[in-house]
Amino acid sequence: MHRYLGIVGGALMAFILATGLIMGTMFTYFSDIQRQQLKTETGMAALAVDELQAGYLEKLPAENYRVTWISAAGNVLYDSDMAASQMENHLEREEVQAALRRGYGESQRYSGTMTVKMLYSAQRLADGSVLRLSMPQHTMLMVIWDMALPIGVILLVDIGAGTSDV
């Protein structure tokens, strides 16, 4: 019986380590893809805003992104989630400062709950203003939490199948 528990414990530890390694690798890979996609979307939206100004923003479906248009002085000109007049100055935001200096900037900040991280991508427009897109990204903790149930079911089935042989 002790030998069986040792084998099950070793197999369980190997399963947990392999799952953690795979999840960590996949999380990093898909995070990089998501950041690159946000950068591409920001660039395309910036081209459209340069041409069409606020008219484009008002027609843009903001289902997946929050869109904020910021003046060179940091004042919010447009926001897809709130009235621009109710928003604070954005000049001190890391991604906005980088966009004003270099033409493009990005950053990430965690929400208060630590289960979602916000990705920010900002691009300076021809008139000196900045267009910023942001989107939520689950943290590794949230991914692990979402995976806990399926992994738990697999482990219970595996352990249950193993005990029927004893």
N, C-alpha and C. Protein backbone atom coordinates (compact mmCIF):
# COMPACT_ATOMS: atom_id res chain seq x y z
N MET A 1 0.83 -1.20 0.00
CA MET A 1 0.00 0.00 0.00
C MET A 1 0.87 1.26 0.00
N HIS A 2 1.96 1.25 0.83
CA HIS A 2 2.83 2.43 0.87
C HIS A 2 3.53 2.64 -0.47
N ARG A 3 3.89 1.52 -1.11
CA ARG A 3 4.54 1.62 -2.42
C ARG A 3 3.58 2.26 -3.42
N TYR A 4 2.32 1.83 -3.40
CA TYR A 4 1.31 2.38 -4.30
C TYR A 4 1.14 3.88 -4.07
N LEU A 5 1.06 4.30 -2.80
CA LEU A 5 0.91 5.72 -2.49
C LEU A 5 2.11 6.51 -2.97
N GLY A 6 3.31 5.92 -2.87
CA GLY A 6 4.52 6.59 -3.38
C GLY A 6 4.47 6.78 -4.88
N ILE A 7 4.00 5.77 -5.58
CA ILE A 7 3.89 5.86 -7.04
C ILE A 7 2.85 6.90 -7.43
N VAL A 8 1.69 6.85 -6.76
CA VAL A 8 0.64 7.83 -7.04
C VAL A 8 1.12 9.24 -6.71
N GLY A 9 1.80 9.39 -5.58
CA GLY A 9 2.32 10.71 -5.20
C GLY A 9 3.33 11.23 -6.20
N GLY A 10 4.23 10.35 -6.67
CA GLY A 10 5.22 10.74 -7.67
C GLY A 10 4.56 11.13 -8.99
N ALA A 11 3.58 10.32 -9.39
CA ALA A 11 2.86 10.62 -10.64
C ALA A 11 2.10 11.93 -10.52
N LEU A 12 1.50 12.14 -9.37
CA LEU A 12 0.76 13.38 -9.14
C LEU A 12 1.69 14.59 -9.17
N MET A 13 2.85 14.46 -8.55
CA MET A 13 3.82 15.56 -8.54
C MET A 13 4.32 15.83 -9.96
N ALA A 14 4.61 14.79 -10.73
CA ALA A 14 5.05 14.96 -12.11
C ALA A 14 3.96 15.62 -12.95
N PHE A 15 2.71 15.21 -12.73
CA PHE A 15 1.59 15.81 -13.45
C PHE A 15 1.46 17.30 -13.13
N ILE A 16 1.55 17.66 -11.86
CA ILE A 16 1.42 19.06 -11.44
C ILE A 16 2.56 19.89 -12.01
N LEU A 17 3.79 19.37 -11.95
CA LEU A 17 4.93 20.12 -12.49
C LEU A 17 4.82 20.29 -14.00
N ALA A 18 4.45 19.23 -14.71
CA ALA A 18 4.31 19.31 -16.16
C ALA A 18 3.19 20.29 -16.54
N THR A 19 2.08 20.21 -15.83
CA THR A 19 0.96 21.13 -16.09
C THR A 19 1.38 22.57 -15.85
N GLY A 20 2.09 22.81 -14.76
CA GLY A 20 2.56 24.16 -14.46
C GLY A 20 3.51 24.69 -15.51
N LEU A 21 4.43 23.85 -15.97
CA LEU A 21 5.38 24.25 -17.01
C LEU A 21 4.66 24.56 -18.32
N ILE A 22 3.75 23.68 -18.70
CA ILE A 22 3.00 23.90 -19.94
C ILE A 22 2.15 25.16 -19.84
N MET A 23 1.45 25.34 -18.72
CA MET A 23 0.60 26.53 -18.55
C MET A 23 1.43 27.81 -18.56
N GLY A 24 2.57 27.79 -17.89
CA GLY A 24 3.43 28.97 -17.86
C GLY A 24 3.94 29.34 -19.24
N THR A 25 4.36 28.34 -19.99
CA THR A 25 4.86 28.57 -21.34
C THR A 25 3.75 29.09 -22.26
N MET A 26 2.59 28.46 -22.20
CA MET A 26 1.47 28.90 -23.04
C MET A 26 0.97 30.29 -22.64
N PHE A 27 0.95 30.56 -21.34
CA PHE A 27 0.51 31.88 -20.87
C PHE A 27 1.43 32.96 -21.43
N THR A 28 2.74 32.74 -21.36
CA THR A 28 3.70 33.72 -21.88
C THR A 28 3.53 33.89 -23.38
N TYR A 29 3.38 32.80 -24.09
CA TYR A 29 3.22 32.85 -25.54
C TYR A 29 1.98 33.65 -25.93
N PHE A 30 0.84 33.33 -25.33
CA PHE A 30 -0.39 34.02 -25.70
C PHE A 30 -0.42 35.46 -25.19
N SER A 31 0.26 35.76 -24.10
CA SER A 31 0.37 37.15 -23.63
C SER A 31 1.12 37.99 -24.65
N ASP A 32 2.21 37.44 -25.19
CA ASP A 32 2.97 38.15 -26.22
C ASP A 32 2.14 38.39 -27.47
N ILE A 33 1.36 37.39 -27.87
CA ILE A 33 0.49 37.55 -29.03
C ILE A 33 -0.56 38.63 -28.76
N GLN A 34 -1.13 38.64 -27.56
CA GLN A 34 -2.15 39.63 -27.23
C GLN A 34 -1.57 41.04 -27.24
N ARG A 35 -0.37 41.23 -26.70
CA ARG A 35 0.27 42.56 -26.72
C ARG A 35 0.55 43.01 -28.15
N GLN A 36 1.04 42.09 -28.99
CA GLN A 36 1.31 42.44 -30.38
C GLN A 36 0.02 42.78 -31.13
N GLN A 37 -1.03 42.04 -30.86
CA GLN A 37 -2.32 42.32 -31.50
C GLN A 37 -2.84 43.70 -31.07
N LEU A 38 -2.70 44.04 -29.80
CA LEU A 38 -3.14 45.34 -29.32
C LEU A 38 -2.34 46.45 -30.00
N LYS A 39 -1.04 46.24 -30.16
CA LYS A 39 -0.19 47.24 -30.83
C LYS A 39 -0.64 47.42 -32.29
N THR A 40 -0.94 46.33 -32.98
CA THR A 40 -1.39 46.40 -34.37
C THR A 40 -2.73 47.13 -34.47
N GLU A 41 -3.66 46.78 -33.58
CA GLU A 41 -4.97 47.44 -33.57
C GLU A 41 -4.83 48.95 -33.29
N THR A 42 -3.94 49.29 -32.38
CA THR A 42 -3.71 50.71 -32.06
C THR A 42 -3.19 51.45 -33.28
N GLY A 43 -2.25 50.84 -33.99
CA GLY A 43 -1.70 51.48 -35.19
C GLY A 43 -2.74 51.68 -36.26
N MET A 44 -3.60 50.69 -36.48
CA MET A 44 -4.65 50.82 -37.49
C MET A 44 -5.68 51.88 -37.08
N ALA A 45 -6.06 51.89 -35.80
CA ALA A 45 -7.02 52.89 -35.33
C ALA A 45 -6.41 54.29 -35.42
N ALA A 46 -5.12 54.41 -35.13
CA ALA A 46 -4.45 55.71 -35.20
C ALA A 46 -4.47 56.27 -36.62
N LEU A 47 -4.24 55.42 -37.60
CA LEU A 47 -4.31 55.87 -39.00
C LEU A 47 -5.71 56.38 -39.33
N ALA A 48 -6.72 55.68 -38.88
CA ALA A 48 -8.10 56.09 -39.15
C ALA A 48 -8.44 57.39 -38.44
N VAL A 49 -7.99 57.56 -37.20
CA VAL A 49 -8.29 58.79 -36.46
C VAL A 49 -7.56 59.97 -37.08
N ASP A 50 -6.33 59.75 -37.57
CA ASP A 50 -5.61 60.82 -38.27
C ASP A 50 -6.42 61.33 -39.46
N GLU A 51 -7.10 60.43 -40.15
CA GLU A 51 -7.88 60.80 -41.32
C GLU A 51 -9.27 61.32 -40.99
N LEU A 52 -9.96 60.64 -40.08
CA LEU A 52 -11.38 60.91 -39.85
C LEU A 52 -11.69 61.59 -38.53
N GLN A 53 -10.69 61.75 -37.65
CA GLN A 53 -10.83 62.38 -36.34
C GLN A 53 -11.89 61.66 -35.49
N ALA A 54 -12.64 62.41 -34.71
CA ALA A 54 -13.58 61.83 -33.73
C ALA A 54 -14.70 61.05 -34.40
N GLY A 55 -15.02 61.36 -35.64
CA GLY A 55 -16.08 60.63 -36.33
C GLY A 55 -15.79 59.14 -36.40
N TYR A 56 -14.54 58.79 -36.57
CA TYR A 56 -14.17 57.38 -36.60
C TYR A 56 -14.38 56.73 -35.24
N LEU A 57 -13.97 57.42 -34.20
CA LEU A 57 -14.08 56.86 -32.85
C LEU A 57 -15.52 56.61 -32.45
N GLU A 58 -16.41 57.48 -32.85
CA GLU A 58 -17.81 57.32 -32.49
C GLU A 58 -18.45 56.12 -33.19
N LYS A 59 -17.91 55.71 -34.33
CA LYS A 59 -18.44 54.56 -35.06
C LYS A 59 -17.71 53.27 -34.71
N LEU A 60 -16.60 53.36 -34.03
CA LEU A 60 -15.78 52.20 -33.71
C LEU A 60 -16.46 51.34 -32.66
N PRO A 61 -16.70 50.06 -32.96
CA PRO A 61 -17.27 49.19 -31.93
C PRO A 61 -16.19 48.91 -30.87
N ALA A 62 -16.45 49.31 -29.66
CA ALA A 62 -15.47 49.18 -28.59
C ALA A 62 -15.81 47.99 -27.68
N GLU A 63 -16.10 46.87 -28.28
CA GLU A 63 -16.48 45.69 -27.50
C GLU A 63 -15.27 45.05 -26.84
N ASN A 64 -14.15 45.00 -27.55
CA ASN A 64 -12.98 44.32 -27.04
C ASN A 64 -11.93 45.26 -26.45
N TYR A 65 -12.04 46.53 -26.76
CA TYR A 65 -11.05 47.50 -26.35
C TYR A 65 -11.70 48.72 -25.72
N ARG A 66 -10.98 49.36 -24.85
CA ARG A 66 -11.36 50.68 -24.39
C ARG A 66 -10.51 51.65 -25.19
N VAL A 67 -11.14 52.64 -25.77
CA VAL A 67 -10.46 53.60 -26.63
C VAL A 67 -10.45 54.96 -25.95
N THR A 68 -9.27 55.55 -25.84
CA THR A 68 -9.14 56.87 -25.24
C THR A 68 -8.28 57.74 -26.16
N TRP A 69 -8.78 58.92 -26.46
CA TRP A 69 -8.04 59.89 -27.29
C TRP A 69 -7.62 61.01 -26.36
N ILE A 70 -6.33 61.31 -26.34
CA ILE A 70 -5.76 62.21 -25.35
C ILE A 70 -5.00 63.34 -26.06
N SER A 71 -5.24 64.57 -25.64
CA SER A 71 -4.53 65.71 -26.23
C SER A 71 -3.05 65.67 -25.81
N ALA A 72 -2.23 66.45 -26.50
CA ALA A 72 -0.80 66.51 -26.17
C ALA A 72 -0.58 67.04 -24.75
N ALA A 73 -1.56 67.76 -24.21
CA ALA A 73 -1.48 68.27 -22.84
C ALA A 73 -1.99 67.26 -21.82
N GLY A 74 -2.50 66.12 -22.28
CA GLY A 74 -2.97 65.07 -21.38
C GLY A 74 -4.47 65.07 -21.12
N ASN A 75 -5.19 66.03 -21.67
CA ASN A 75 -6.64 66.07 -21.47
C ASN A 75 -7.33 65.02 -22.33
N VAL A 76 -8.31 64.35 -21.76
CA VAL A 76 -9.03 63.32 -22.50
C VAL A 76 -10.03 64.00 -23.43
N LEU A 77 -9.91 63.71 -24.71
CA LEU A 77 -10.80 64.26 -25.72
C LEU A 77 -11.98 63.33 -25.99
N TYR A 78 -11.73 62.02 -25.84
CA TYR A 78 -12.76 61.02 -26.10
C TYR A 78 -12.41 59.77 -25.31
N ASP A 79 -13.44 59.10 -24.78
CA ASP A 79 -13.25 57.81 -24.14
C ASP A 79 -14.49 56.97 -24.41
N SER A 80 -14.28 55.72 -24.74
CA SER A 80 -15.40 54.85 -25.10
C SER A 80 -16.19 54.38 -23.89
N ASP A 81 -15.65 54.51 -22.68
CA ASP A 81 -16.35 54.03 -21.47
C ASP A 81 -16.92 55.13 -20.59
N MET A 82 -16.35 56.32 -20.65
CA MET A 82 -16.79 57.41 -19.76
C MET A 82 -16.85 58.72 -20.54
N ALA A 83 -17.56 59.68 -19.98
CA ALA A 83 -17.56 61.01 -20.57
C ALA A 83 -16.17 61.62 -20.38
N ALA A 84 -15.60 62.14 -21.45
CA ALA A 84 -14.25 62.71 -21.39
C ALA A 84 -14.13 63.80 -20.34
N SER A 85 -15.19 64.56 -20.14
CA SER A 85 -15.16 65.66 -19.17
C SER A 85 -15.01 65.17 -17.73
N GLN A 86 -15.34 63.92 -17.46
CA GLN A 86 -15.25 63.36 -16.11
C GLN A 86 -13.90 62.70 -15.83
N MET A 87 -13.04 62.67 -16.81
CA MET A 87 -11.78 61.95 -16.66
C MET A 87 -10.64 62.88 -16.28
N GLU A 88 -9.71 62.32 -15.51
CA GLU A 88 -8.55 63.09 -15.07
C GLU A 88 -7.53 63.19 -16.21
N ASN A 89 -6.60 64.09 -16.04
CA ASN A 89 -5.52 64.29 -17.01
C ASN A 89 -4.67 63.01 -17.09
N HIS A 90 -4.32 62.62 -18.30
CA HIS A 90 -3.57 61.37 -18.53
C HIS A 90 -2.10 61.61 -18.89
N LEU A 91 -1.61 62.81 -18.71
CA LEU A 91 -0.24 63.13 -19.12
C LEU A 91 0.80 62.31 -18.38
N GLU A 92 0.53 61.92 -17.15
CA GLU A 92 1.51 61.17 -16.35
C GLU A 92 1.48 59.66 -16.61
N ARG A 93 0.56 59.18 -17.42
CA ARG A 93 0.48 57.75 -17.69
C ARG A 93 1.71 57.33 -18.50
N GLU A 94 2.28 56.21 -18.09
CA GLU A 94 3.53 55.73 -18.69
C GLU A 94 3.45 55.58 -20.20
N GLU A 95 2.38 54.96 -20.67
CA GLU A 95 2.24 54.71 -22.11
C GLU A 95 2.02 56.00 -22.89
N VAL A 96 1.35 56.98 -22.28
CA VAL A 96 1.12 58.27 -22.93
C VAL A 96 2.43 59.04 -23.04
N GLN A 97 3.21 59.07 -21.97
CA GLN A 97 4.51 59.75 -22.01
C GLN A 97 5.42 59.15 -23.08
N ALA A 98 5.47 57.82 -23.14
CA ALA A 98 6.30 57.16 -24.14
C ALA A 98 5.83 57.49 -25.55
N ALA A 99 4.52 57.50 -25.77
CA ALA A 99 3.99 57.82 -27.10
C ALA A 99 4.32 59.25 -27.49
N LEU A 100 4.23 60.17 -26.54
CA LEU A 100 4.56 61.56 -26.84
C LEU A 100 6.05 61.72 -27.18
N ARG A 101 6.92 60.98 -26.50
CA ARG A 101 8.37 61.08 -26.73
C ARG A 101 8.81 60.30 -27.97
N ARG A 102 8.36 59.06 -28.09
CA ARG A 102 8.90 58.16 -29.12
C ARG A 102 7.91 57.80 -30.23
N GLY A 103 6.66 58.19 -30.08
CA GLY A 103 5.66 57.86 -31.09
C GLY A 103 4.79 56.68 -30.70
N TYR A 104 5.32 55.79 -29.83
CA TYR A 104 4.55 54.65 -29.39
C TYR A 104 4.96 54.29 -27.96
N GLY A 105 3.96 53.86 -27.17
CA GLY A 105 4.26 53.41 -25.82
C GLY A 105 3.25 52.36 -25.38
N GLU A 106 3.69 51.52 -24.46
CA GLU A 106 2.78 50.51 -23.91
C GLU A 106 3.11 50.30 -22.45
N SER A 107 2.13 49.84 -21.72
CA SER A 107 2.33 49.51 -20.31
C SER A 107 1.24 48.52 -19.89
N GLN A 108 1.35 48.08 -18.65
CA GLN A 108 0.34 47.20 -18.08
C GLN A 108 0.21 47.51 -16.60
N ARG A 109 -1.03 47.43 -16.13
CA ARG A 109 -1.31 47.69 -14.72
C ARG A 109 -2.33 46.67 -14.24
N TYR A 110 -2.18 46.26 -12.98
CA TYR A 110 -3.09 45.30 -12.40
C TYR A 110 -4.30 46.00 -11.81
N SER A 111 -5.44 45.32 -11.89
CA SER A 111 -6.65 45.85 -11.26
C SER A 111 -6.56 45.61 -9.76
N GLY A 112 -7.46 46.20 -9.02
CA GLY A 112 -7.48 46.04 -7.58
C GLY A 112 -7.68 44.62 -7.12
N THR A 113 -8.33 43.81 -7.92
CA THR A 113 -8.60 42.43 -7.53
C THR A 113 -7.44 41.49 -7.84
N MET A 114 -6.47 41.93 -8.61
CA MET A 114 -5.30 41.15 -9.00
C MET A 114 -5.66 39.93 -9.86
N THR A 115 -6.85 39.88 -10.38
CA THR A 115 -7.18 38.78 -11.26
C THR A 115 -7.14 39.21 -12.72
N VAL A 116 -7.12 40.51 -12.97
CA VAL A 116 -7.07 41.02 -14.33
C VAL A 116 -6.00 42.09 -14.42
N LYS A 117 -5.23 41.99 -15.46
CA LYS A 117 -4.21 42.98 -15.76
C LYS A 117 -4.71 43.77 -16.97
N MET A 118 -4.53 45.06 -16.98
CA MET A 118 -4.92 45.88 -18.12
C MET A 118 -3.68 46.15 -18.97
N LEU A 119 -3.81 45.90 -20.28
CA LEU A 119 -2.75 46.20 -21.23
C LEU A 119 -3.09 47.52 -21.91
N TYR A 120 -2.11 48.40 -22.02
CA TYR A 120 -2.30 49.70 -22.65
C TYR A 120 -1.34 49.86 -23.82
N SER A 121 -1.84 50.40 -24.92
CA SER A 121 -1.05 50.65 -26.11
C SER A 121 -1.42 52.04 -26.60
N ALA A 122 -0.41 52.92 -26.75
CA ALA A 122 -0.68 54.31 -27.12
C ALA A 122 0.20 54.73 -28.29
N GLN A 123 -0.40 55.47 -29.22
CA GLN A 123 0.35 55.95 -30.38
C GLN A 123 0.08 57.43 -30.59
N ARG A 124 1.17 58.17 -30.83
CA ARG A 124 1.04 59.61 -31.12
C ARG A 124 0.50 59.79 -32.53
N LEU A 125 -0.44 60.70 -32.67
CA LEU A 125 -1.04 61.01 -33.97
C LEU A 125 -0.32 62.19 -34.61
N ALA A 126 -0.62 62.45 -35.86
CA ALA A 126 0.04 63.53 -36.60
C ALA A 126 -0.12 64.89 -35.94
N ASP A 127 -1.25 65.13 -35.26
CA ASP A 127 -1.48 66.43 -34.62
C ASP A 127 -0.86 66.52 -33.22
N GLY A 128 -0.15 65.49 -32.78
CA GLY A 128 0.49 65.50 -31.46
C GLY A 128 -0.34 64.88 -30.36
N SER A 129 -1.61 64.58 -30.63
CA SER A 129 -2.44 63.92 -29.63
C SER A 129 -2.08 62.43 -29.60
N VAL A 130 -2.67 61.71 -28.67
CA VAL A 130 -2.35 60.29 -28.49
C VAL A 130 -3.63 59.47 -28.49
N LEU A 131 -3.61 58.38 -29.23
CA LEU A 131 -4.71 57.43 -29.21
C LEU A 131 -4.24 56.23 -28.39
N ARG A 132 -5.05 55.87 -27.40
CA ARG A 132 -4.70 54.74 -26.54
C ARG A 132 -5.81 53.71 -26.57
N LEU A 133 -5.43 52.46 -26.75
CA LEU A 133 -6.34 51.33 -26.63
C LEU A 133 -5.92 50.51 -25.43
N SER A 134 -6.90 49.99 -24.72
CA SER A 134 -6.58 49.13 -23.58
C SER A 134 -7.52 47.94 -23.59
N MET A 135 -7.03 46.85 -23.00
CA MET A 135 -7.84 45.64 -22.93
C MET A 135 -7.43 44.84 -21.71
N PRO A 136 -8.37 44.07 -21.17
CA PRO A 136 -8.03 43.25 -20.01
C PRO A 136 -7.32 41.97 -20.42
N GLN A 137 -6.49 41.49 -19.52
CA GLN A 137 -5.82 40.21 -19.71
C GLN A 137 -5.85 39.47 -18.38
N HIS A 138 -6.28 38.22 -18.40
CA HIS A 138 -6.28 37.44 -17.17
C HIS A 138 -4.86 37.25 -16.68
N THR A 139 -4.68 37.26 -15.37
CA THR A 139 -3.38 36.97 -14.79
C THR A 139 -3.19 35.46 -14.72
N MET A 140 -1.97 35.06 -14.43
CA MET A 140 -1.68 33.63 -14.30
C MET A 140 -2.51 33.03 -13.17
N LEU A 141 -2.74 33.79 -12.09
CA LEU A 141 -3.56 33.30 -10.98
C LEU A 141 -4.97 32.97 -11.46
N MET A 142 -5.55 33.81 -12.29
CA MET A 142 -6.90 33.56 -12.79
C MET A 142 -6.91 32.36 -13.74
N VAL A 143 -5.88 32.22 -14.56
CA VAL A 143 -5.80 31.07 -15.45
C VAL A 143 -5.72 29.78 -14.64
N ILE A 144 -4.89 29.78 -13.60
CA ILE A 144 -4.78 28.60 -12.74
C ILE A 144 -6.12 28.30 -12.08
N TRP A 145 -6.78 29.32 -11.60
CA TRP A 145 -8.10 29.14 -10.97
C TRP A 145 -9.09 28.52 -11.97
N ASP A 146 -9.09 29.03 -13.21
CA ASP A 146 -9.99 28.49 -14.23
C ASP A 146 -9.66 27.05 -14.59
N MET A 147 -8.40 26.69 -14.47
CA MET A 147 -7.97 25.33 -14.80
C MET A 147 -8.10 24.36 -13.63
N ALA A 148 -8.30 24.86 -12.42
CA ALA A 148 -8.32 24.00 -11.23
C ALA A 148 -9.42 22.94 -11.31
N LEU A 149 -10.60 23.31 -11.76
CA LEU A 149 -11.70 22.34 -11.82
C LEU A 149 -11.41 21.21 -12.80
N PRO A 150 -11.05 21.51 -14.06
CA PRO A 150 -10.78 20.39 -14.97
C PRO A 150 -9.60 19.52 -14.51
N ILE A 151 -8.57 20.13 -13.96
CA ILE A 151 -7.43 19.35 -13.47
C ILE A 151 -7.86 18.50 -12.28
N GLY A 152 -8.66 19.06 -11.40
CA GLY A 152 -9.17 18.31 -10.25
C GLY A 152 -9.99 17.11 -10.68
N VAL A 153 -10.82 17.27 -11.68
CA VAL A 153 -11.64 16.16 -12.19
C VAL A 153 -10.73 15.08 -12.76
N ILE A 154 -9.73 15.48 -13.53
CA ILE A 154 -8.78 14.50 -14.09
C ILE A 154 -8.08 13.73 -12.98
N LEU A 155 -7.65 14.44 -11.96
CA LEU A 155 -6.96 13.78 -10.85
C LEU A 155 -7.89 12.82 -10.11
N LEU A 156 -9.12 13.24 -9.86
CA LEU A 156 -10.06 12.35 -9.17
C LEU A 156 -10.36 11.10 -9.98
N VAL A 157 -10.53 11.26 -11.28
CA VAL A 157 -10.78 10.11 -12.15
C VAL A 157 -9.57 9.19 -12.15
N ASP A 158 -8.38 9.78 -12.23
CA ASP A 158 -7.15 9.00 -12.26
C ASP A 158 -6.95 8.24 -10.94
N ILE A 159 -7.15 8.92 -9.83
CA ILE A 159 -6.99 8.28 -8.53
C ILE A 159 -8.07 7.21 -8.34
N GLY A 160 -9.29 7.52 -8.75
CA GLY A 160 -10.38 6.54 -8.64
C GLY A 160 -10.10 5.30 -9.48
N ALA A 161 -9.55 5.50 -10.67
CA ALA A 161 -9.23 4.35 -11.54
C ALA A 161 -8.09 3.54 -10.94
N GLY A 162 -7.16 4.22 -10.31
CA GLY A 162 -6.02 3.52 -9.71
C GLY A 162 -6.38 2.72 -8.47
N THR A 163 -7.34 3.18 -7.69
CA THR A 163 -7.72 2.45 -6.47
C THR A 163 -8.56 1.22 -6.76
N SER A 164 -9.20 1.16 -7.94
CA SER A 164 -10.01 -0.02 -8.25
C SER A 164 -9.15 -1.24 -8.55
N ASP A 165 -7.86 -1.03 -8.88
CA ASP A 165 -6.95 -2.13 -9.16
C ASP A 165 -6.36 -2.75 -7.89
N VAL A 166 -6.45 -2.04 -6.76
CA VAL A 166 -5.80 -2.52 -5.52
C VAL A 166 -6.61 -3.56 -4.82
